[in-house]
Amino acid sequence: MAWTRQLSSGKYQGCYRDALGREQSAGTFTQRPKALREASRLESEQREPGAVDVEGGKITWGAWFELWHESRNLSYATDDCYRSTADNHITPHWGKVPLKDITTLEVSKWVKGMLKPRRRTERKRSPWTVRNALMLLKTSLNAAVEAKRLGANPAKPVPYPDLPEGVERYLTPDEVEGITFYMDGFNALIVWLGVNTGLRFGELAGLHWNRIDFDRKVIHVVEQFNQKSRTISPLKDKQRRTVPLPADLTGKLLQYREHAARGRGSTCGLTHDISRCGGDLLFRGARGAPIKSNDWGKTIWRKALDLAGVEGRVRPHDMRHTYASWLIQEGVSVAELAELMGHSSWEITKMYAHLSDTGFDGVRDALDRRRGKVTPVEPAVPAVDVEVLAAQLADMQRQLSVLKGYTAPIAADMPRTPEDYGGLEIAR
């Protein structure tokens, strides 16, 4: 039951006990009945199922992030990226702030401060960086709500910053040819498989032979290699899918299978978090270990890029973007692409939609109809060598005369010299 306590200031403090029997304060009031009512209301809420753990909201964001993040099943690259974002952009500001003290207004001010710092000594962050930091903060606070440490997510109403328009970096077929030219057959096959299937690097590293159906020419994408735990783990967003294989790539895989069969085992030798192992991995490093995106990207991939003269920041993950860009430019719909890429939402796939010219012809026809007519395109008139044409006509007339049994004189009105053509300039 709730009660009040009179303070030395003459005011009244409302008190109650939460669901765990711990004493809690409902605040300080000038009137005793008001303090008692507020304490009784909070005590009733605490007794209801799913009530917020008041004590749990006192944990700092930094401590909560460590507690929450350790429980997540993430790939090595994703885990490293999130920790870097937290250490560099979130923890310096929110690390020592209790969850219950984080407000929507303060989160908005934090976002604005990163985009437009007040002091020259403060570093300005890019919209992409701020977006990623805000996304991680929101996700962590959503988890706090689910854990009953918060009643609502204070960062949820804060909008993401607008992103500048720019052209994404995709590889052209010539660039892929150049990159694979400077690789051995094993690593070149990894690249060709990446740009022709859109598999994430972890999916390539965790691909097993039994997941390839050579008769149907498809790959069943079911699992991935987790670099952090060194296990075969579920896919991102658990989006299993089937991806078709081009005929030429199927042939390369068959040749590689014959070469790799001598050292292939019955299992991959790694722990599987899902299903049972049905065969060996397609790709293994020099010492037999699964390939890792960081090691492979900084050595094999980087060296080939430099030798091929490919400019710009191009990552192994851009093989996946290249796959998407090639398909969308060939008329594959966003819905089909989302299915092939294993995206949980079409919104993610729409980033490639600007590469498609689908529907442009229909738009042009509609505009032409609106104007009332279609502008005719006049054919180009080839240059004429008048002297050659005249000689050909004269020769044809002589041959015709021979066929008729007589030789006809050349017509008197047939032009013989350039002047006879009205002074036209004759092509020579």
Protein backbone atom coordinates (compact mmCIF):
# COMPACT_ATOMS: atom_id res chain seq x y z
CA MET A 1 0.00 0.00 0.00
CA ALA A 2 1.23 3.50 -0.86
CA TRP A 3 2.16 6.01 1.82
CA THR A 4 3.61 9.51 2.23
CA ARG A 5 6.59 10.94 4.07
CA GLN A 6 6.85 14.56 5.20
CA LEU A 7 10.20 16.13 4.40
CA SER A 8 12.10 18.81 6.33
CA SER A 9 10.99 21.34 3.71
CA GLY A 10 7.38 20.74 4.67
CA LYS A 11 6.55 19.00 1.41
CA TYR A 12 5.28 15.45 1.06
CA GLN A 13 6.96 12.59 -0.76
CA GLY A 14 4.78 9.84 -2.21
CA CYS A 15 6.17 6.35 -1.66
CA TYR A 16 5.23 2.87 -2.88
CA ARG A 17 6.71 -0.56 -3.49
CA ASP A 18 7.20 -2.04 -6.96
CA ALA A 19 6.45 -5.61 -8.06
CA LEU A 20 9.74 -6.81 -6.49
CA GLY A 21 9.01 -5.17 -3.13
CA ARG A 22 11.55 -2.37 -3.57
CA GLU A 23 10.70 1.08 -2.22
CA GLN A 24 10.17 3.70 -4.90
CA SER A 25 9.47 7.45 -4.89
CA ALA A 26 6.48 8.94 -6.71
CA GLY A 27 7.81 12.49 -6.41
CA THR A 28 7.49 15.45 -4.05
CA PHE A 29 4.26 17.43 -3.63
CA THR A 30 3.03 20.37 -1.56
CA GLN A 31 -0.19 18.56 -0.63
CA ARG A 32 -0.29 15.17 1.12
CA PRO A 33 -3.42 13.80 -0.70
CA LYS A 34 -1.86 14.51 -4.10
CA ALA A 35 1.36 12.70 -3.14
CA LEU A 36 -0.65 9.73 -1.90
CA ARG A 37 -2.78 9.54 -5.08
CA GLU A 38 0.30 9.58 -7.34
CA ALA A 39 2.03 6.92 -5.27
CA SER A 40 -1.10 4.72 -5.34
CA ARG A 41 -1.38 5.10 -9.13
CA LEU A 42 2.24 4.09 -9.75
CA GLU A 43 1.94 1.18 -7.34
CA SER A 44 -1.11 -0.11 -9.25
CA GLU A 45 0.75 0.12 -12.56
CA GLN A 46 3.66 -1.81 -11.13
CA ARG A 47 1.38 -4.64 -10.07
CA GLU A 48 -0.01 -5.10 -13.60
CA PRO A 49 1.47 -7.77 -15.95
CA GLY A 50 4.23 -6.41 -18.19
CA ALA A 51 4.90 -3.43 -15.95
CA VAL A 52 8.07 -1.42 -16.54
CA ASP A 53 10.97 -2.23 -14.25
CA VAL A 54 11.67 1.16 -12.67
CA GLU A 55 14.99 0.01 -11.27
CA GLY A 56 15.99 -1.34 -14.69
CA GLY A 57 15.68 2.12 -16.25
CA LYS A 58 18.47 3.39 -14.03
CA ILE A 59 21.11 1.44 -15.93
CA THR A 60 23.31 3.64 -18.13
CA TRP A 61 23.08 3.40 -21.90
CA GLY A 62 26.71 2.20 -22.10
CA ALA A 63 26.10 -0.66 -19.67
CA TRP A 64 22.83 -1.55 -21.39
CA PHE A 65 24.48 -1.58 -24.82
CA GLU A 66 27.09 -4.10 -23.66
CA LEU A 67 24.45 -6.27 -22.00
CA TRP A 68 22.14 -6.17 -25.03
CA HIS A 69 24.75 -6.36 -27.80
CA GLU A 70 26.42 -9.43 -26.35
CA SER A 71 23.13 -11.32 -26.67
CA ARG A 72 22.82 -10.65 -30.41
CA ASN A 73 23.76 -13.17 -33.10
CA LEU A 74 25.64 -11.03 -35.63
CA SER A 75 28.22 -11.67 -38.29
CA TYR A 76 31.79 -10.62 -37.55
CA ALA A 77 31.67 -7.65 -39.94
CA THR A 78 28.29 -6.41 -38.63
CA ASP A 79 29.37 -6.72 -35.00
CA ASP A 80 32.58 -4.82 -35.71
CA CYS A 81 30.65 -2.07 -37.54
CA TYR A 82 28.10 -1.61 -34.74
CA ARG A 83 30.76 -1.49 -32.04
CA SER A 84 32.72 1.09 -34.00
CA THR A 85 29.59 3.24 -34.39
CA ALA A 86 28.80 2.98 -30.68
CA ASP A 87 32.37 3.72 -29.52
CA ASN A 88 32.91 6.71 -31.81
CA HIS A 89 29.52 8.40 -31.98
CA ILE A 90 27.09 7.23 -29.26
CA THR A 91 29.01 6.29 -26.11
CA PRO A 92 30.84 9.66 -25.78
CA HIS A 93 27.44 11.38 -25.38
CA TRP A 94 25.07 8.74 -23.96
CA GLY A 95 27.43 6.24 -22.35
CA LYS A 96 26.93 7.48 -18.74
CA VAL A 97 23.30 8.62 -19.12
CA PRO A 98 20.65 6.39 -17.45
CA LEU A 99 18.04 5.03 -19.86
CA LYS A 100 15.22 6.76 -17.98
CA ASP A 101 16.88 10.16 -18.46
CA ILE A 102 17.09 9.95 -22.26
CA THR A 103 14.46 12.24 -23.79
CA THR A 104 13.26 12.93 -27.33
CA LEU A 105 14.38 16.55 -27.09
CA GLU A 106 17.91 15.59 -26.03
CA VAL A 107 18.20 13.01 -28.83
CA SER A 108 17.13 15.66 -31.38
CA LYS A 109 19.75 18.06 -30.03
CA TRP A 110 22.39 15.32 -30.21
CA VAL A 111 21.58 14.62 -33.88
CA LYS A 112 21.69 18.32 -34.75
CA GLY A 113 24.98 18.73 -32.91
CA MET A 114 26.64 15.99 -34.98
CA LEU A 115 25.41 17.48 -38.25
CA LYS A 116 26.10 21.13 -37.34
CA PRO A 117 28.53 21.38 -34.40
CA ARG A 118 28.57 24.69 -32.54
CA ARG A 119 32.28 24.72 -31.82
CA ARG A 120 35.04 24.57 -34.39
CA THR A 121 36.86 22.01 -32.28
CA GLU A 122 33.93 19.59 -32.65
CA ARG A 123 33.99 17.24 -35.62
CA LYS A 124 31.16 17.40 -38.13
CA ARG A 125 29.68 14.04 -39.07
CA SER A 126 28.29 13.07 -42.45
CA PRO A 127 24.53 12.39 -42.82
CA TRP A 128 25.34 8.69 -43.40
CA THR A 129 27.30 8.51 -40.13
CA VAL A 130 24.56 10.29 -38.17
CA ARG A 131 21.90 8.06 -39.71
CA ASN A 132 23.76 4.89 -38.70
CA ALA A 133 24.36 6.20 -35.16
CA LEU A 134 20.70 7.18 -34.70
CA MET A 135 19.55 3.83 -36.08
CA LEU A 136 21.72 1.94 -33.57
CA LEU A 137 20.51 4.11 -30.68
CA LYS A 138 16.87 3.54 -31.66
CA THR A 139 17.41 -0.21 -31.96
CA SER A 140 19.07 -0.42 -28.55
CA LEU A 141 16.23 1.55 -26.93
CA ASN A 142 13.64 -0.65 -28.65
CA ALA A 143 15.33 -3.58 -26.96
CA ALA A 144 15.12 -1.73 -23.63
CA VAL A 145 11.37 -1.32 -24.13
CA GLU A 146 11.01 -5.05 -24.85
CA ALA A 147 13.01 -5.80 -21.69
CA LYS A 148 10.57 -3.62 -19.66
CA ARG A 149 13.31 -1.18 -18.75
CA LEU A 150 11.53 1.64 -20.58
CA GLY A 151 7.87 2.33 -21.21
CA ALA A 152 8.50 3.86 -24.65
CA ASN A 153 11.41 4.59 -26.97
CA PRO A 154 12.30 8.31 -26.62
CA ALA A 155 14.33 8.25 -29.85
CA LYS A 156 11.51 6.87 -32.01
CA PRO A 157 10.00 10.26 -33.05
CA VAL A 158 13.39 11.70 -34.07
CA PRO A 159 13.64 11.72 -37.90
CA TYR A 160 16.66 10.47 -39.78
CA PRO A 161 18.74 13.14 -41.55
CA ASP A 162 18.29 13.55 -45.30
CA LEU A 163 20.97 11.84 -47.35
CA PRO A 164 22.77 13.64 -50.18
CA GLU A 165 22.06 12.35 -53.64
CA GLY A 166 24.97 10.51 -55.18
CA VAL A 167 25.92 7.81 -57.62
CA GLU A 168 26.62 4.42 -56.08
CA ARG A 169 29.76 2.59 -57.12
CA TYR A 170 29.04 -0.51 -59.19
CA LEU A 171 31.46 -2.53 -61.25
CA THR A 172 31.13 -2.72 -65.02
CA PRO A 173 31.65 -6.03 -66.87
CA ASP A 174 35.00 -4.70 -68.16
CA GLU A 175 36.11 -3.89 -64.61
CA VAL A 176 35.18 -7.38 -63.43
CA GLU A 177 37.14 -8.84 -66.36
CA GLY A 178 40.12 -6.71 -65.35
CA ILE A 179 39.94 -7.70 -61.68
CA THR A 180 39.67 -11.44 -62.38
CA PHE A 181 42.51 -11.23 -64.93
CA TYR A 182 44.90 -10.49 -62.07
CA MET A 183 43.61 -13.35 -59.87
CA ASP A 184 44.21 -17.06 -59.93
CA GLY A 185 41.34 -19.32 -60.96
CA PHE A 186 40.20 -19.98 -57.37
CA ASN A 187 39.81 -16.32 -56.40
CA ALA A 188 38.45 -15.33 -59.81
CA LEU A 189 35.68 -17.90 -59.31
CA ILE A 190 34.76 -16.23 -56.02
CA VAL A 191 34.36 -12.91 -57.86
CA TRP A 192 32.35 -14.39 -60.74
CA LEU A 193 30.08 -16.16 -58.27
CA GLY A 194 29.64 -12.94 -56.29
CA VAL A 195 28.66 -10.72 -59.23
CA ASN A 196 26.43 -13.39 -60.80
CA THR A 197 24.48 -14.46 -57.70
CA GLY A 198 24.51 -11.45 -55.35
CA LEU A 199 25.49 -13.57 -52.35
CA ARG A 200 26.88 -11.75 -49.33
CA PHE A 201 30.50 -12.60 -48.55
CA GLY A 202 29.49 -14.60 -45.49
CA GLU A 203 27.10 -16.58 -47.69
CA LEU A 204 29.89 -17.24 -50.20
CA ALA A 205 32.25 -18.34 -47.41
CA GLY A 206 29.58 -20.61 -45.91
CA LEU A 207 28.35 -22.11 -49.19
CA HIS A 208 28.35 -25.93 -49.19
CA TRP A 209 28.53 -28.16 -52.25
CA ASN A 210 25.21 -29.82 -51.45
CA ARG A 211 23.49 -26.41 -51.74
CA ILE A 212 24.20 -26.30 -55.50
CA ASP A 213 21.71 -28.06 -57.76
CA PHE A 214 23.63 -28.52 -61.00
CA ASP A 215 20.66 -30.11 -62.79
CA ARG A 216 18.40 -27.12 -62.17
CA LYS A 217 21.32 -24.64 -62.28
CA VAL A 218 20.41 -22.99 -58.96
CA ILE A 219 21.95 -22.30 -55.55
CA HIS A 220 19.93 -22.75 -52.36
CA VAL A 221 21.10 -19.98 -50.02
CA VAL A 222 20.43 -21.35 -46.54
CA GLU A 223 23.29 -20.38 -44.22
CA GLN A 224 26.40 -18.22 -43.85
CA PHE A 225 29.82 -18.37 -42.20
CA ASN A 226 30.00 -16.27 -39.01
CA GLN A 227 33.57 -14.97 -38.69
CA LYS A 228 33.10 -13.98 -35.06
CA SER A 229 31.91 -17.34 -33.74
CA ARG A 230 33.53 -19.37 -36.55
CA THR A 231 30.30 -21.29 -37.02
CA ILE A 232 27.73 -21.80 -39.78
CA SER A 233 24.88 -19.50 -38.75
CA PRO A 234 21.40 -18.51 -39.96
CA LEU A 235 21.09 -15.94 -42.73
CA LYS A 236 20.59 -12.25 -42.08
CA ASP A 237 16.87 -11.68 -41.42
CA LYS A 238 16.55 -15.48 -41.92
CA GLN A 239 15.73 -14.89 -45.61
CA ARG A 240 16.33 -18.25 -47.29
CA ARG A 241 16.20 -18.06 -51.08
CA THR A 242 17.03 -19.81 -54.34
CA VAL A 243 19.26 -18.05 -56.88
CA PRO A 244 19.66 -19.09 -60.55
CA LEU A 245 23.08 -19.76 -62.04
CA PRO A 246 24.13 -18.65 -65.55
CA ALA A 247 25.17 -21.50 -67.85
CA ASP A 248 28.81 -20.38 -68.16
CA LEU A 249 29.18 -20.06 -64.37
CA THR A 250 27.67 -23.53 -63.91
CA GLY A 251 30.35 -24.87 -66.24
CA LYS A 252 33.10 -23.17 -64.23
CA LEU A 253 31.74 -24.63 -61.00
CA LEU A 254 31.64 -28.12 -62.51
CA GLN A 255 35.28 -27.81 -63.58
CA TYR A 256 36.22 -26.53 -60.12
CA ARG A 257 34.34 -29.42 -58.49
CA GLU A 258 36.43 -31.96 -60.40
CA HIS A 259 39.61 -30.21 -59.29
CA ALA A 260 38.49 -29.82 -55.65
CA ALA A 261 37.04 -33.31 -55.27
CA ARG A 262 40.39 -34.83 -54.28
CA GLY A 263 40.60 -32.88 -51.02
CA ARG A 264 36.90 -32.60 -50.25
CA GLY A 265 35.57 -34.02 -46.99
CA SER A 266 32.15 -35.42 -46.13
CA THR A 267 31.49 -32.44 -43.82
CA CYS A 268 32.89 -28.94 -43.44
CA GLY A 269 34.17 -29.58 -39.92
CA LEU A 270 32.49 -26.46 -38.50
CA THR A 271 29.75 -26.22 -35.88
CA HIS A 272 26.32 -25.61 -37.42
CA ASP A 273 23.90 -23.41 -35.49
CA ILE A 274 21.13 -24.56 -37.85
CA SER A 275 20.48 -27.86 -39.62
CA ARG A 276 23.10 -30.57 -40.11
CA CYS A 277 26.18 -30.35 -42.30
CA GLY A 278 25.59 -32.05 -45.63
CA GLY A 279 29.01 -31.64 -47.23
CA ASP A 280 32.18 -29.62 -47.52
CA LEU A 281 32.58 -25.90 -48.20
CA LEU A 282 33.11 -24.64 -51.73
CA PHE A 283 35.91 -22.29 -50.77
CA ARG A 284 38.74 -22.66 -48.28
CA GLY A 285 41.80 -20.52 -47.70
CA ALA A 286 45.43 -21.54 -48.13
CA ARG A 287 45.49 -23.37 -44.80
CA GLY A 288 42.10 -25.02 -45.20
CA ALA A 289 40.18 -22.48 -43.11
CA PRO A 290 37.04 -20.72 -44.42
CA ILE A 291 37.73 -17.48 -46.29
CA LYS A 292 37.22 -14.24 -44.33
CA SER A 293 36.00 -11.01 -45.88
CA ASN A 294 38.49 -8.75 -44.08
CA ASP A 295 41.57 -10.84 -44.87
CA TRP A 296 40.52 -11.57 -48.46
CA GLY A 297 39.48 -7.97 -49.11
CA LYS A 298 42.71 -6.44 -47.84
CA THR A 299 44.98 -8.80 -49.77
CA ILE A 300 43.65 -10.65 -52.84
CA TRP A 301 40.88 -8.18 -53.68
CA ARG A 302 42.89 -5.00 -53.04
CA LYS A 303 45.88 -6.20 -55.07
CA ALA A 304 43.70 -7.11 -58.06
CA LEU A 305 41.96 -3.70 -57.94
CA ASP A 306 45.29 -1.88 -57.99
CA LEU A 307 46.70 -3.97 -60.84
CA ALA A 308 43.49 -3.58 -62.90
CA GLY A 309 43.45 0.18 -62.35
CA VAL A 310 39.95 0.18 -60.83
CA GLU A 311 39.47 3.56 -59.17
CA GLY A 312 37.39 4.56 -56.19
CA ARG A 313 36.44 2.80 -52.97
CA VAL A 314 35.36 -0.66 -54.07
CA ARG A 315 34.70 -3.29 -51.41
CA PRO A 316 34.06 -7.03 -51.73
CA HIS A 317 30.46 -6.29 -50.72
CA ASP A 318 30.12 -4.23 -53.92
CA MET A 319 30.04 -7.50 -55.85
CA ARG A 320 26.54 -7.87 -54.43
CA HIS A 321 25.60 -4.31 -55.48
CA THR A 322 27.01 -5.03 -58.94
CA TYR A 323 24.71 -8.04 -59.30
CA ALA A 324 21.71 -5.91 -58.42
CA SER A 325 22.69 -3.09 -60.80
CA TRP A 326 23.20 -5.47 -63.74
CA LEU A 327 19.79 -7.10 -63.23
CA ILE A 328 17.86 -3.86 -62.78
CA GLN A 329 19.44 -2.43 -65.94
CA GLU A 330 18.31 -5.53 -67.84
CA GLY A 331 14.68 -4.99 -66.83
CA VAL A 332 14.34 -7.23 -63.75
CA SER A 333 11.64 -5.75 -61.49
CA VAL A 334 12.30 -4.45 -57.98
CA ALA A 335 10.03 -7.17 -56.55
CA GLU A 336 11.99 -9.95 -58.29
CA LEU A 337 15.29 -8.39 -57.26
CA ALA A 338 14.21 -8.19 -53.61
CA GLU A 339 13.46 -11.91 -53.69
CA LEU A 340 16.81 -12.77 -55.27
CA MET A 341 18.77 -10.53 -52.90
CA GLY A 342 17.03 -11.84 -49.78
CA HIS A 343 15.90 -8.37 -48.70
CA SER A 344 13.32 -8.27 -45.93
CA SER A 345 11.70 -5.18 -47.46
CA TRP A 346 11.30 -3.66 -50.92
CA GLU A 347 12.42 -0.35 -49.43
CA ILE A 348 15.99 -1.68 -49.28
CA THR A 349 15.91 -2.79 -52.92
CA LYS A 350 14.51 0.53 -54.16
CA MET A 351 18.00 2.04 -53.88
CA TYR A 352 18.70 0.38 -57.25
CA ALA A 353 15.48 1.51 -58.99
CA HIS A 354 17.03 4.65 -60.51
CA LEU A 355 19.24 2.46 -62.70
CA SER A 356 16.25 1.13 -64.64
CA ASP A 357 14.95 2.67 -67.89
CA THR A 358 11.79 0.56 -67.69
CA GLY A 359 8.77 2.57 -68.81
CA PHE A 360 10.75 5.38 -70.45
CA ASP A 361 9.48 4.47 -73.94
CA GLY A 362 5.90 4.63 -72.71
CA VAL A 363 6.52 8.06 -71.19
CA ARG A 364 8.02 9.36 -74.43
CA ASP A 365 5.06 8.04 -76.45
CA ALA A 366 2.62 9.69 -74.04
CA LEU A 367 4.38 13.05 -74.40
CA ASP A 368 4.36 12.71 -78.18
CA ARG A 369 0.61 11.99 -78.14
CA ARG A 370 0.07 15.00 -75.90
CA ARG A 371 1.69 17.22 -78.54
CA GLY A 372 -0.67 15.73 -81.13
CA LYS A 373 1.89 14.13 -83.36
CA VAL A 374 5.02 12.10 -83.43
CA THR A 375 7.99 14.00 -84.77
CA PRO A 376 9.19 12.15 -87.86
CA VAL A 377 12.80 11.25 -88.05
CA GLU A 378 14.17 12.06 -91.54
CA PRO A 379 16.56 9.45 -92.88
CA ALA A 380 20.07 10.60 -93.54
CA VAL A 381 20.78 11.23 -97.28
CA PRO A 382 24.02 9.57 -98.32
CA ALA A 383 26.53 11.53 -100.38
CA VAL A 384 26.28 10.77 -104.13
CA ASP A 385 29.20 10.60 -106.55
CA VAL A 386 27.45 12.04 -109.61
CA GLU A 387 30.10 11.08 -112.19
CA VAL A 388 30.06 7.44 -111.04
CA LEU A 389 26.26 7.39 -111.15
CA ALA A 390 26.22 8.82 -114.70
CA ALA A 391 28.73 6.24 -115.91
CA GLN A 392 26.69 3.42 -114.36
CA LEU A 393 23.50 4.64 -116.08
CA ALA A 394 25.27 4.86 -119.46
CA ASP A 395 26.69 1.37 -119.07
CA MET A 396 23.28 -0.03 -118.19
CA GLN A 397 21.79 1.58 -121.30
CA ARG A 398 24.46 0.04 -123.56
CA GLN A 399 23.91 -3.43 -122.05
CA LEU A 400 20.17 -3.08 -122.59
CA SER A 401 20.73 -2.10 -126.21
CA VAL A 402 22.91 -5.16 -126.84
CA LEU A 403 20.21 -7.40 -125.43
CA LYS A 404 17.68 -5.85 -127.83
CA GLY A 405 20.01 -6.44 -130.84
CA TYR A 406 21.04 -2.92 -131.56
CA THR A 407 23.30 -0.23 -130.16
CA ALA A 408 21.33 2.84 -129.15
CA PRO A 409 23.01 6.21 -129.05
CA ILE A 410 23.33 7.87 -125.76
CA ALA A 411 20.45 10.23 -125.23
CA ALA A 412 21.27 13.75 -126.18
CA ASP A 413 19.76 15.14 -123.01
CA MET A 414 21.79 12.84 -120.72
CA PRO A 415 24.24 14.90 -118.64
CA ARG A 416 27.89 14.32 -119.53
CA THR A 417 29.86 16.88 -117.50
CA PRO A 418 29.61 18.41 -114.01
CA GLU A 419 28.29 21.61 -115.58
CA ASP A 420 25.33 19.63 -116.94
CA TYR A 421 24.26 18.97 -113.29
CA GLY A 422 23.58 22.62 -112.62
CA GLY A 423 26.98 23.42 -111.15
CA LEU A 424 26.51 21.04 -108.17
CA GLU A 425 29.61 20.17 -106.22
CA ILE A 426 30.53 16.57 -107.15
CA ALA A 427 31.96 14.23 -104.56
CA ARG A 428 35.32 12.89 -105.64
